[in-house]
PDB file of all heavy atoms in Angstrom:
ATOM      1  N   SER A   1     104.657 104.207  97.860  1.00  0.00           N
ATOM      2  CA  SER A   1     103.598 103.846  98.794  1.00  0.00           C
ATOM      3  C   SER A   1     103.066 105.073  99.528  1.00  0.00           C
ATOM      4  O   SER A   1     103.657 106.160  99.489  1.00  0.00           O
ATOM      5  CB  SER A   1     104.116 102.814  99.802  1.00  0.00           C
ATOM      6  OG  SER A   1     105.165 103.374 100.563  1.00  0.00           O
ATOM      7  N   GLU A   2     101.961 104.883 100.235  1.00  0.00           N
ATOM      8  CA  GLU A   2     101.277 106.008 100.895  1.00  0.00           C
ATOM      9  C   GLU A   2     102.109 106.622 102.007  1.00  0.00           C
ATOM     10  O   GLU A   2     102.127 107.842 102.176  1.00  0.00           O
ATOM     11  CB  GLU A   2      99.929 105.522 101.438  1.00  0.00           C
ATOM     12  CG  GLU A   2      98.917 105.177 100.345  1.00  0.00           C
ATOM     13  CD  GLU A   2      97.578 104.771 100.923  1.00  0.00           C
ATOM     14  OE1 GLU A   2      97.450 104.754 102.173  1.00  0.00           O
ATOM     15  OE2 GLU A   2      96.657 104.487 100.137  1.00  0.00           O
ATOM     16  N   TYR A   3     102.783 105.795 102.803  1.00  0.00           N
ATOM     17  CA  TYR A   3     103.542 106.373 103.906  1.00  0.00           C
ATOM     18  C   TYR A   3     104.707 107.232 103.403  1.00  0.00           C
ATOM     19  O   TYR A   3     105.057 108.241 104.017  1.00  0.00           O
ATOM     20  CB  TYR A   3     104.034 105.276 104.859  1.00  0.00           C
ATOM     21  CG  TYR A   3     105.228 104.489 104.376  1.00  0.00           C
ATOM     22  CD1 TYR A   3     106.537 104.929 104.609  1.00  0.00           C
ATOM     23  CD2 TYR A   3     105.062 103.293 103.691  1.00  0.00           C
ATOM     24  CE1 TYR A   3     107.623 104.200 104.179  1.00  0.00           C
ATOM     25  CE2 TYR A   3     106.141 102.560 103.254  1.00  0.00           C
ATOM     26  CZ  TYR A   3     107.420 103.018 103.502  1.00  0.00           C
ATOM     27  OH  TYR A   3     108.496 102.293 103.063  1.00  0.00           O
ATOM     28  N   SER A   4     105.305 106.845 102.253  1.00  0.00           N
ATOM     29  CA  SER A   4     106.375 107.659 101.687  1.00  0.00           C
ATOM     30  C   SER A   4     105.817 109.001 101.184  1.00  0.00           C
ATOM     31  O   SER A   4     106.442 110.058 101.391  1.00  0.00           O
ATOM     32  CB  SER A   4     107.065 106.908 100.542  1.00  0.00           C
ATOM     33  OG  SER A   4     107.719 105.754 101.016  1.00  0.00           O
ATOM     34  N   ARG A   5     104.652 108.943 100.533  1.00  0.00           N
ATOM     35  CA  ARG A   5     104.022 110.182 100.063  1.00  0.00           C
ATOM     36  C   ARG A   5     103.640 111.082 101.241  1.00  0.00           C
ATOM     37  O   ARG A   5     103.793 112.312 101.176  1.00  0.00           O
ATOM     38  CB  ARG A   5     102.774 109.845  99.248  1.00  0.00           C
ATOM     39  CG  ARG A   5     103.034 109.046  97.980  1.00  0.00           C
ATOM     40  CD  ARG A   5     103.828 109.849  96.978  1.00  0.00           C
ATOM     41  NE  ARG A   5     103.950 109.174  95.699  1.00  0.00           N
ATOM     42  CZ  ARG A   5     104.693 109.596  94.705  1.00  0.00           C
ATOM     43  NH1 ARG A   5     105.400 110.726  94.858  1.00  0.00           N
ATOM     44  NH2 ARG A   5     104.761 108.939  93.566  1.00  0.00           N
ATOM     45  N   TYR A   6     103.157 110.457 102.314  1.00  0.00           N
ATOM     46  CA  TYR A   6     102.768 111.226 103.491  1.00  0.00           C
ATOM     47  C   TYR A   6     103.986 111.895 104.130  1.00  0.00           C
ATOM     48  O   TYR A   6     103.944 113.070 104.492  1.00  0.00           O
ATOM     49  CB  TYR A   6     102.078 110.309 104.497  1.00  0.00           C
ATOM     50  CG  TYR A   6     101.672 111.003 105.770  1.00  0.00           C
ATOM     51  CD1 TYR A   6     100.553 111.827 105.805  1.00  0.00           C
ATOM     52  CD2 TYR A   6     102.411 110.840 106.939  1.00  0.00           C
ATOM     53  CE1 TYR A   6     100.179 112.480 106.974  1.00  0.00           C
ATOM     54  CE2 TYR A   6     102.050 111.478 108.110  1.00  0.00           C
ATOM     55  CZ  TYR A   6     100.933 112.302 108.123  1.00  0.00           C
ATOM     56  OH  TYR A   6     100.570 112.945 109.274  1.00  0.00           O
ATOM     57  N   MET A   7     105.079 111.136 104.276  1.00  0.00           N
ATOM     58  CA  MET A   7     106.299 111.700 104.849  1.00  0.00           C
ATOM     59  C   MET A   7     106.835 112.840 103.986  1.00  0.00           C
ATOM     60  O   MET A   7     107.309 113.862 104.485  1.00  0.00           O
ATOM     61  CB  MET A   7     107.364 110.610 105.001  1.00  0.00           C
ATOM     62  CG  MET A   7     107.047 109.570 106.070  1.00  0.00           C
ATOM     63  SD  MET A   7     108.293 108.268 106.159  1.00  0.00           S
ATOM     64  CE  MET A   7     109.709 109.193 106.761  1.00  0.00           C
ATOM     65  N   GLU A   8     106.746 112.659 102.659  1.00  0.00           N
ATOM     66  CA  GLU A   8     107.206 113.710 101.742  1.00  0.00           C
ATOM     67  C   GLU A   8     106.354 114.966 101.891  1.00  0.00           C
ATOM     68  O   GLU A   8     106.869 116.095 101.900  1.00  0.00           O
ATOM     69  CB  GLU A   8     107.157 113.179 100.310  1.00  0.00           C
ATOM     70  CG  GLU A   8     107.730 114.128  99.275  1.00  0.00           C
ATOM     71  CD  GLU A   8     107.694 113.544  97.879  1.00  0.00           C
ATOM     72  OE1 GLU A   8     107.239 112.399  97.698  1.00  0.00           O
ATOM     73  OE2 GLU A   8     108.120 114.265  96.938  1.00  0.00           O
ATOM     74  N   ALA A   9     105.019 114.793 102.034  1.00  0.00           N
ATOM     75  CA  ALA A   9     104.117 115.939 102.196  1.00  0.00           C
ATOM     76  C   ALA A   9     104.360 116.657 103.517  1.00  0.00           C
ATOM     77  O   ALA A   9     104.162 117.880 103.620  1.00  0.00           O
ATOM     78  CB  ALA A   9     102.670 115.463 102.111  1.00  0.00           C
ATOM     79  N   MET A  10     104.806 115.902 104.545  1.00  0.00           N
ATOM     80  CA  MET A  10     105.081 116.500 105.843  1.00  0.00           C
ATOM     81  C   MET A  10     106.445 117.172 105.903  1.00  0.00           C
ATOM     82  O   MET A  10     106.832 117.736 106.917  1.00  0.00           O
ATOM     83  CB  MET A  10     104.992 115.426 106.935  1.00  0.00           C
ATOM     84  CG  MET A  10     103.583 114.859 107.131  1.00  0.00           C
ATOM     85  SD  MET A  10     102.413 116.078 107.736  1.00  0.00           S
ATOM     86  CE  MET A  10     103.041 116.373 109.381  1.00  0.00           C
ATOM     87  N   GLY A  11     107.195 117.093 104.789  1.00  0.00           N
ATOM     88  CA  GLY A  11     108.484 117.761 104.726  1.00  0.00           C
ATOM     89  C   GLY A  11     109.650 116.948 105.248  1.00  0.00           C
ATOM     90  O   GLY A  11     110.717 117.503 105.562  1.00  0.00           O
ATOM     91  N   ALA A  12     109.476 115.627 105.352  1.00  0.00           N
ATOM     92  CA  ALA A  12     110.572 114.780 105.820  1.00  0.00           C
ATOM     93  C   ALA A  12     111.702 114.773 104.794  1.00  0.00           C
ATOM     94  O   ALA A  12     111.454 114.808 103.583  1.00  0.00           O
ATOM     95  CB  ALA A  12     110.071 113.352 106.048  1.00  0.00           C
ATOM     96  N   PRO A  13     112.957 114.737 105.233  1.00  0.00           N
ATOM     97  CA  PRO A  13     114.094 114.700 104.296  1.00  0.00           C
ATOM     98  C   PRO A  13     114.046 113.447 103.421  1.00  0.00           C
ATOM     99  O   PRO A  13     113.592 112.391 103.861  1.00  0.00           O
ATOM    100  CB  PRO A  13     115.317 114.677 105.220  1.00  0.00           C
ATOM    101  CG  PRO A  13     114.831 115.141 106.546  1.00  0.00           C
ATOM    102  CD  PRO A  13     113.401 114.741 106.638  1.00  0.00           C
ATOM    103  N   ALA A  14     114.524 113.595 102.196  1.00  0.00           N
ATOM    104  CA  ALA A  14     114.525 112.458 101.264  1.00  0.00           C
ATOM    105  C   ALA A  14     115.366 111.308 101.800  1.00  0.00           C
ATOM    106  O   ALA A  14     115.044 110.130 101.597  1.00  0.00           O
ATOM    107  CB  ALA A  14     115.054 112.917  99.903  1.00  0.00           C
ATOM    108  N   LYS A  15     116.449 111.635 102.517  1.00  0.00           N
ATOM    109  CA  LYS A  15     117.315 110.592 103.076  1.00  0.00           C
ATOM    110  C   LYS A  15     116.561 109.741 104.088  1.00  0.00           C
ATOM    111  O   LYS A  15     116.719 108.515 104.134  1.00  0.00           O
ATOM    112  CB  LYS A  15     118.536 111.240 103.729  1.00  0.00           C
ATOM    113  CG  LYS A  15     119.568 110.241 104.239  1.00  0.00           C
ATOM    114  CD  LYS A  15     120.788 110.966 104.798  1.00  0.00           C
ATOM    115  CE  LYS A  15     121.827 109.955 105.291  1.00  0.00           C
ATOM    116  NZ  LYS A  15     123.016 110.638 105.845  1.00  0.00           N
ATOM    117  N   LEU A  16     115.723 110.385 104.924  1.00  0.00           N
ATOM    118  CA  LEU A  16     114.949 109.657 105.920  1.00  0.00           C
ATOM    119  C   LEU A  16     113.900 108.767 105.245  1.00  0.00           C
ATOM    120  O   LEU A  16     113.680 107.615 105.664  1.00  0.00           O
ATOM    121  CB  LEU A  16     114.272 110.639 106.869  1.00  0.00           C
ATOM    122  CG  LEU A  16     113.417 110.027 107.990  1.00  0.00           C
ATOM    123  CD1 LEU A  16     114.281 109.174 108.910  1.00  0.00           C
ATOM    124  CD2 LEU A  16     112.694 111.116 108.778  1.00  0.00           C
ATOM    125  N   ILE A  17     113.261 109.284 104.199  1.00  0.00           N
ATOM    126  CA  ILE A  17     112.255 108.492 103.480  1.00  0.00           C
ATOM    127  C   ILE A  17     112.904 107.251 102.860  1.00  0.00           C
ATOM    128  O   ILE A  17     112.366 106.142 102.929  1.00  0.00           O
ATOM    129  CB  ILE A  17     111.576 109.348 102.392  1.00  0.00           C
ATOM    130  CG1 ILE A  17     110.821 110.524 103.038  1.00  0.00           C
ATOM    131  CG2 ILE A  17     110.617 108.506 101.558  1.00  0.00           C
ATOM    132  CD1 ILE A  17     110.257 111.509 102.032  1.00  0.00           C
ATOM    133  N   ARG A  18     114.075 107.450 102.253  1.00  0.00           N
ATOM    134  CA  ARG A  18     114.779 106.315 101.638  1.00  0.00           C
ATOM    135  C   ARG A  18     115.209 105.295 102.695  1.00  0.00           C
ATOM    136  O   ARG A  18     115.217 104.089 102.446  1.00  0.00           O
ATOM    137  CB  ARG A  18     115.990 106.820 100.852  1.00  0.00           C
ATOM    138  CG  ARG A  18     115.636 107.572  99.586  1.00  0.00           C
ATOM    139  CD  ARG A  18     116.837 107.673  98.660  1.00  0.00           C
ATOM    140  NE  ARG A  18     117.940 108.394  99.289  1.00  0.00           N
ATOM    141  CZ  ARG A  18     118.155 109.712  99.165  1.00  0.00           C
ATOM    142  NH1 ARG A  18     117.309 110.439  98.437  1.00  0.00           N
ATOM    143  NH2 ARG A  18     119.173 110.293  99.746  1.00  0.00           N
ATOM    144  N   LYS A  19     115.551 105.780 103.897  1.00  0.00           N
ATOM    145  CA  LYS A  19     115.962 104.879 104.971  1.00  0.00           C
ATOM    146  C   LYS A  19     114.804 103.965 105.373  1.00  0.00           C
ATOM    147  O   LYS A  19     114.974 102.750 105.518  1.00  0.00           O
ATOM    148  CB  LYS A  19     116.431 105.695 106.177  1.00  0.00           C
ATOM    149  CG  LYS A  19     116.868 104.843 107.359  1.00  0.00           C
ATOM    150  CD  LYS A  19     117.302 105.719 108.525  1.00  0.00           C
ATOM    151  CE  LYS A  19     117.685 104.868 109.746  1.00  0.00           C
ATOM    152  NZ  LYS A  19     118.084 105.707 110.898  1.00  0.00           N
ATOM    153  N   TYR A  20     113.604 104.541 105.551  1.00  0.00           N
ATOM    154  CA  TYR A  20     112.431 103.735 105.897  1.00  0.00           C
ATOM    155  C   TYR A  20     112.061 102.802 104.742  1.00  0.00           C
ATOM    156  O   TYR A  20     111.649 101.651 104.958  1.00  0.00           O
ATOM    157  CB  TYR A  20     111.256 104.642 106.252  1.00  0.00           C
ATOM    158  CG  TYR A  20     111.276 105.109 107.688  1.00  0.00           C
ATOM    159  CD1 TYR A  20     111.739 106.376 108.014  1.00  0.00           C
ATOM    160  CD2 TYR A  20     110.840 104.277 108.717  1.00  0.00           C
ATOM    161  CE1 TYR A  20     111.768 106.810 109.338  1.00  0.00           C
ATOM    162  CE2 TYR A  20     110.866 104.702 110.036  1.00  0.00           C
ATOM    163  CZ  TYR A  20     111.321 105.963 110.351  1.00  0.00           C
ATOM    164  OH  TYR A  20     111.355 106.375 111.657  1.00  0.00           O
ATOM    165  N   ALA A  21     112.183 103.295 103.524  1.00  0.00           N
ATOM    166  CA  ALA A  21     111.863 102.462 102.358  1.00  0.00           C
ATOM    167  C   ALA A  21     112.793 101.247 102.280  1.00  0.00           C
ATOM    168  O   ALA A  21     112.356 100.128 101.993  1.00  0.00           O
ATOM    169  CB  ALA A  21     111.958 103.291 101.083  1.00  0.00           C
ATOM    170  N   PHE A  22     114.077 101.475 102.567  1.00  0.00           N
ATOM    171  CA  PHE A  22     115.047 100.368 102.514  1.00  0.00           C
ATOM    172  C   PHE A  22     114.752  99.342 103.605  1.00  0.00           C
ATOM    173  O   PHE A  22     114.817  98.135 103.358  1.00  0.00           O
ATOM    174  CB  PHE A  22     116.469 100.907 102.669  1.00  0.00           C
ATOM    175  CG  PHE A  22     117.529  99.839 102.591  1.00  0.00           C
ATOM    176  CD1 PHE A  22     117.981  99.387 101.369  1.00  0.00           C
ATOM    177  CD2 PHE A  22     118.062  99.279 103.745  1.00  0.00           C
ATOM    178  CE1 PHE A  22     118.955  98.398 101.286  1.00  0.00           C
ATOM    179  CE2 PHE A  22     119.025  98.294 103.685  1.00  0.00           C
ATOM    180  CZ  PHE A  22     119.470  97.855 102.453  1.00  0.00           C
ATOM    181  N   ARG A  23     114.411  99.819 104.807  1.00  0.00           N
ATOM    182  CA  ARG A  23     114.133  98.885 105.908  1.00  0.00           C
ATOM    183  C   ARG A  23     112.921  98.017 105.604  1.00  0.00           C
ATOM    184  O   ARG A  23     112.895  96.824 105.941  1.00  0.00           O
ATOM    185  CB  ARG A  23     113.907  99.669 107.202  1.00  0.00           C
ATOM    186  CG  ARG A  23     115.167 100.285 107.770  1.00  0.00           C
ATOM    187  CD  ARG A  23     114.879 101.066 109.039  1.00  0.00           C
ATOM    188  NE  ARG A  23     114.330 100.227 110.084  1.00  0.00           N
ATOM    189  CZ  ARG A  23     113.969 100.682 111.274  1.00  0.00           C
ATOM    190  NH1 ARG A  23     114.081 101.980 111.551  1.00  0.00           N
ATOM    191  NH2 ARG A  23     113.473  99.856 112.180  1.00  0.00           N
ATOM    192  N   ASN A  24     111.907  98.581 104.972  1.00  0.00           N
ATOM    193  CA  ASN A  24     110.730  97.789 104.607  1.00  0.00           C
ATOM    194  C   ASN A  24     111.010  96.887 103.403  1.00  0.00           C
ATOM    195  O   ASN A  24     110.485  95.770 103.316  1.00  0.00           O
ATOM    196  CB  ASN A  24     109.545  98.704 104.293  1.00  0.00           C
ATOM    197  CG  ASN A  24     108.978  99.356 105.547  1.00  0.00           C
ATOM    198  OD1 ASN A  24     108.997  98.773 106.616  1.00  0.00           O
ATOM    199  ND2 ASN A  24     108.490 100.579 105.417  1.00  0.00           N
ATOM    200  N   ALA A  25     111.817  97.382 102.468  1.00  0.00           N
ATOM    201  CA  ALA A  25     112.100  96.598 101.266  1.00  0.00           C
ATOM    202  C   ALA A  25     113.002  95.408 101.545  1.00  0.00           C
ATOM    203  O   ALA A  25     112.954  94.409 100.808  1.00  0.00           O
ATOM    204  CB  ALA A  25     112.754  97.501 100.208  1.00  0.00           C
ATOM    205  N   VAL A  26     113.818  95.489 102.591  1.00  0.00           N
ATOM    206  CA  VAL A  26     114.764  94.411 102.855  1.00  0.00           C
ATOM    207  C   VAL A  26     114.076  93.193 103.472  1.00  0.00           C
ATOM    208  O   VAL A  26     114.619  92.083 103.422  1.00  0.00           O
ATOM    209  CB  VAL A  26     115.904  94.910 103.780  1.00  0.00           C
ATOM    210  CG1 VAL A  26     115.498  94.899 105.248  1.00  0.00           C
ATOM    211  CG2 VAL A  26     117.173  94.081 103.578  1.00  0.00           C
ATOM    212  N   LEU A  27     112.865  93.366 104.040  1.00  0.00           N
ATOM    213  CA  LEU A  27     112.179  92.234 104.669  1.00  0.00           C
ATOM    214  C   LEU A  27     111.844  91.124 103.668  1.00  0.00           C
ATOM    215  O   LEU A  27     112.118  89.950 103.937  1.00  0.00           O
ATOM    216  CB  LEU A  27     110.909  92.723 105.382  1.00  0.00           C
ATOM    217  CG  LEU A  27     111.148  93.668 106.566  1.00  0.00           C
ATOM    218  CD1 LEU A  27     109.821  94.154 107.129  1.00  0.00           C
ATOM    219  CD2 LEU A  27     111.963  92.977 107.654  1.00  0.00           C
ATOM    220  N   PRO A  28     111.243  91.434 102.502  1.00  0.00           N
ATOM    221  CA  PRO A  28     111.030  90.357 101.510  1.00  0.00           C
ATOM    222  C   PRO A  28     112.344  89.747 101.020  1.00  0.00           C
ATOM    223  O   PRO A  28     112.375  88.572 100.647  1.00  0.00           O
ATOM    224  CB  PRO A  28     110.301  91.077 100.360  1.00  0.00           C
ATOM    225  CG  PRO A  28     109.690  92.277 100.981  1.00  0.00           C
ATOM    226  CD  PRO A  28     110.639  92.699 102.058  1.00  0.00           C
ATOM    227  N   GLN A  29     113.423  90.528 101.043  1.00  0.00           N
ATOM    228  CA  GLN A  29     114.717  89.994 100.620  1.00  0.00           C
ATOM    229  C   GLN A  29     115.239  88.955 101.606  1.00  0.00           C
ATOM    230  O   GLN A  29     115.922  88.006 101.216  1.00  0.00           O
ATOM    231  CB  GLN A  29     115.730  91.130 100.470  1.00  0.00           C
ATOM    232  CG  GLN A  29     115.418  92.107  99.344  1.00  0.00           C
ATOM    233  CD  GLN A  29     115.591  91.488  97.975  1.00  0.00           C
ATOM    234  OE1 GLN A  29     114.675  90.852  97.450  1.00  0.00           O
ATOM    235  NE2 GLN A  29     116.753  91.672  97.382  1.00  0.00           N
ATOM    236  N   ILE A  30     114.922  89.144 102.896  1.00  0.00           N
ATOM    237  CA  ILE A  30     115.309  88.143 103.893  1.00  0.00           C
ATOM    238  C   ILE A  30     114.540  86.847 103.647  1.00  0.00           C
ATOM    239  O   ILE A  30     115.100  85.749 103.706  1.00  0.00           O
ATOM    240  CB  ILE A  30     115.059  88.676 105.315  1.00  0.00           C
ATOM    241  CG1 ILE A  30     115.969  89.869 105.597  1.00  0.00           C
ATOM    242  CG2 ILE A  30     115.276  87.581 106.356  1.00  0.00           C
ATOM    243  CD1 ILE A  30     115.717  90.538 106.930  1.00  0.00           C
ATOM    244  N   THR A  31     113.247  86.982 103.354  1.00  0.00           N
ATOM    245  CA  THR A  31     112.449  85.804 103.006  1.00  0.00           C
ATOM    246  C   THR A  31     113.010  85.145 101.745  1.00  0.00           C
ATOM    247  O   THR A  31     113.123  83.918 101.660  1.00  0.00           O
ATOM    248  CB  THR A  31     110.984  86.200 102.775  1.00  0.00           C
ATOM    249  OG1 THR A  31     110.492  86.880 103.933  1.00  0.00           O
ATOM    250  CG2 THR A  31     110.124  84.979 102.512  1.00  0.00           C
ATOM    251  N   GLY A  32     113.373  85.966 100.762  1.00  0.00           N
ATOM    252  CA  GLY A  32     113.955  85.443  99.531  1.00  0.00           C
ATOM    253  C   GLY A  32     115.264  84.715  99.774  1.00  0.00           C
ATOM    254  O   GLY A  32     115.576  83.734  99.096  1.00  0.00           O
ATOM    255  N   LEU A  33     116.032  85.190 100.762  1.00  0.00           N
ATOM    256  CA  LEU A  33     117.293  84.534 101.088  1.00  0.00           C
ATOM    257  C   LEU A  33     117.046  83.101 101.549  1.00  0.00           C
ATOM    258  O   LEU A  33     117.760  82.180 101.158  1.00  0.00           O
ATOM    259  CB  LEU A  33     118.017  85.323 102.176  1.00  0.00           C
ATOM    260  CG  LEU A  33     119.353  84.751 102.669  1.00  0.00           C
ATOM    261  CD1 LEU A  33     120.349  84.650 101.531  1.00  0.00           C
ATOM    262  CD2 LEU A  33     119.910  85.607 103.796  1.00  0.00           C
ATOM    263  N   ALA A  34     116.018  82.905 102.379  1.00  0.00           N
ATOM    264  CA  ALA A  34     115.669  81.553 102.835  1.00  0.00           C
ATOM    265  C   ALA A  34     115.277  80.665 101.656  1.00  0.00           C
ATOM    266  O   ALA A  34     115.664  79.493 101.575  1.00  0.00           O
ATOM    267  CB  ALA A  34     114.540  81.622 103.853  1.00  0.00           C
ATOM    268  N   LEU A  35     114.490  81.218 100.730  1.00  0.00           N
ATOM    269  CA  LEU A  35     114.036  80.438  99.580  1.00  0.00           C
ATOM    270  C   LEU A  35     115.168  80.128  98.608  1.00  0.00           C
ATOM    271  O   LEU A  35     115.160  79.106  97.924  1.00  0.00           O
ATOM    272  CB  LEU A  35     112.914  81.187  98.849  1.00  0.00           C
ATOM    273  CG  LEU A  35     111.636  81.434  99.642  1.00  0.00           C
ATOM    274  CD1 LEU A  35     110.673  82.305  98.844  1.00  0.00           C
ATOM    275  CD2 LEU A  35     110.967  80.120 100.019  1.00  0.00           C
ATOM    276  N   GLN A  36     116.163  81.021  98.531  1.00  0.00           N
ATOM    277  CA  GLN A  36     117.250  80.863  97.571  1.00  0.00           C
ATOM    278  C   GLN A  36     118.357  79.940  98.063  1.00  0.00           C
ATOM    279  O   GLN A  36     119.230  79.560  97.287  1.00  0.00           O
ATOM    280  CB  GLN A  36     117.858  82.230  97.254  1.00  0.00           C
ATOM    281  CG  GLN A  36     117.034  83.085  96.315  1.00  0.00           C
ATOM    282  CD  GLN A  36     116.990  82.509  94.914  1.00  0.00           C
ATOM    283  OE1 GLN A  36     117.990  82.028  94.400  1.00  0.00           O
ATOM    284  NE2 GLN A  36     115.832  82.547  94.293  1.00  0.00           N
ATOM    285  N   LEU A  37     118.338  79.573  99.345  1.00  0.00           N
ATOM    286  CA  LEU A  37     119.421  78.748  99.871  1.00  0.00           C
ATOM    287  C   LEU A  37     119.526  77.416  99.130  1.00  0.00           C
ATOM    288  O   LEU A  37     120.612  76.970  98.778  1.00  0.00           O
ATOM    289  CB  LEU A  37     119.216  78.503 101.363  1.00  0.00           C
ATOM    290  CG  LEU A  37     119.585  79.675 102.274  1.00  0.00           C
ATOM    291  CD1 LEU A  37     119.156  79.395 103.698  1.00  0.00           C
ATOM    292  CD2 LEU A  37     121.080  79.956 102.213  1.00  0.00           C
ATOM    293  N   GLY A  38     118.369  76.783  98.890  1.00  0.00           N
ATOM    294  CA  GLY A  38     118.399  75.529  98.160  1.00  0.00           C
ATOM    295  C   GLY A  38     118.888  75.695  96.742  1.00  0.00           C
ATOM    296  O   GLY A  38     119.607  74.839  96.208  1.00  0.00           O
ATOM    297  N   VAL A  39     118.540  76.816  96.110  1.00  0.00           N
ATOM    298  CA  VAL A  39     118.958  77.074  94.730  1.00  0.00           C
ATOM    299  C   VAL A  39     120.474  77.257  94.649  1.00  0.00           C
ATOM    300  O   VAL A  39     121.132  76.695  93.775  1.00  0.00           O
ATOM    301  CB  VAL A  39     118.241  78.317  94.169  1.00  0.00           C
ATOM    302  CG1 VAL A  39     118.743  78.642  92.762  1.00  0.00           C
ATOM    303  CG2 VAL A  39     116.731  78.098  94.160  1.00  0.00           C
ATOM    304  N   ILE A  40     121.027  78.039  95.578  1.00  0.00           N
ATOM    305  CA  ILE A  40     122.463  78.299  95.505  1.00  0.00           C
ATOM    306  C   ILE A  40     123.264  77.056  95.885  1.00  0.00           C
ATOM    307  O   ILE A  40     124.374  76.838  95.386  1.00  0.00           O
ATOM    308  CB  ILE A  40     122.866  79.505  96.381  1.00  0.00           C
ATOM    309  CG1 ILE A  40     124.277  79.985  95.996  1.00  0.00           C
ATOM    310  CG2 ILE A  40     122.808  79.165  97.857  1.00  0.00           C
ATOM    311  CD1 ILE A  40     124.676  81.283  96.642  1.00  0.00           C
ATOM    312  N   VAL A  41     122.705  76.202  96.758  1.00  0.00           N
ATOM    313  CA  VAL A  41     123.382  74.939  97.060  1.00  0.00           C
ATOM    314  C   VAL A  41     123.441  74.071  95.812  1.00  0.00           C
ATOM    315  O   VAL A  41     124.472  73.458  95.504  1.00  0.00           O
ATOM    316  CB  VAL A  41     122.659  74.204  98.212  1.00  0.00           C
ATOM    317  CG1 VAL A  41     123.144  72.766  98.320  1.00  0.00           C
ATOM    318  CG2 VAL A  41     122.895  74.928  99.532  1.00  0.00           C
ATOM    319  N   ALA A  42     122.329  74.020  95.058  1.00  0.00           N
ATOM    320  CA  ALA A  42     122.332  73.271  93.796  1.00  0.00           C
ATOM    321  C   ALA A  42     123.337  73.874  92.814  1.00  0.00           C
ATOM    322  O   ALA A  42     124.036  73.154  92.096  1.00  0.00           O
ATOM    323  CB  ALA A  42     120.931  73.272  93.184  1.00  0.00           C
ATOM    324  N   GLY A  43     123.410  75.217  92.793  1.00  0.00           N
ATOM    325  CA  GLY A  43     124.390  75.877  91.940  1.00  0.00           C
ATOM    326  C   GLY A  43     125.806  75.562  92.356  1.00  0.00           C
ATOM    327  O   GLY A  43     126.703  75.399  91.512  1.00  0.00           O
ATOM    328  N   ALA A  44     126.027  75.443  93.667  1.00  0.00           N
ATOM    329  CA  ALA A  44     127.363  75.106  94.160  1.00  0.00           C
ATOM    330  C   ALA A  44     127.767  73.700  93.735  1.00  0.00           C
ATOM    331  O   ALA A  44     128.935  73.450  93.412  1.00  0.00           O
ATOM    332  CB  ALA A  44     127.407  75.232  95.679  1.00  0.00           C
ATOM    333  N   LEU A  45     126.800  72.771  93.711  1.00  0.00           N
ATOM    334  CA  LEU A  45     127.104  71.407  93.276  1.00  0.00           C
ATOM    335  C   LEU A  45     127.601  71.408  91.832  1.00  0.00           C
ATOM    336  O   LEU A  45     128.593  70.757  91.500  1.00  0.00           O
ATOM    337  CB  LEU A  45     125.855  70.525  93.410  1.00  0.00           C
ATOM    338  CG  LEU A  45     125.258  70.377  94.808  1.00  0.00           C
ATOM    339  CD1 LEU A  45     124.088  69.405  94.772  1.00  0.00           C
ATOM    340  CD2 LEU A  45     126.290  69.915  95.800  1.00  0.00           C
ATOM    341  N   ALA A  46     126.892  72.151  90.971  1.00  0.00           N
ATOM    342  CA  ALA A  46     127.298  72.223  89.565  1.00  0.00           C
ATOM    343  C   ALA A  46     128.650  72.921  89.415  1.00  0.00           C
ATOM    344  O   ALA A  46     129.498  72.513  88.612  1.00  0.00           O
ATOM    345  CB  ALA A  46     126.232  72.962  88.752  1.00  0.00           C
TER     346      ALA A  46
END
């Protein structure tokens, strides 16, 4: 994404860029967790 490219161009450490990337990437995973609850409950029944 653009903010990662911008941080890289500004000389930000790769570890810091990955940290911000992980924090943004985990948000859809939290939404996915809510959606998957019904699926895993059905899996638990089986």
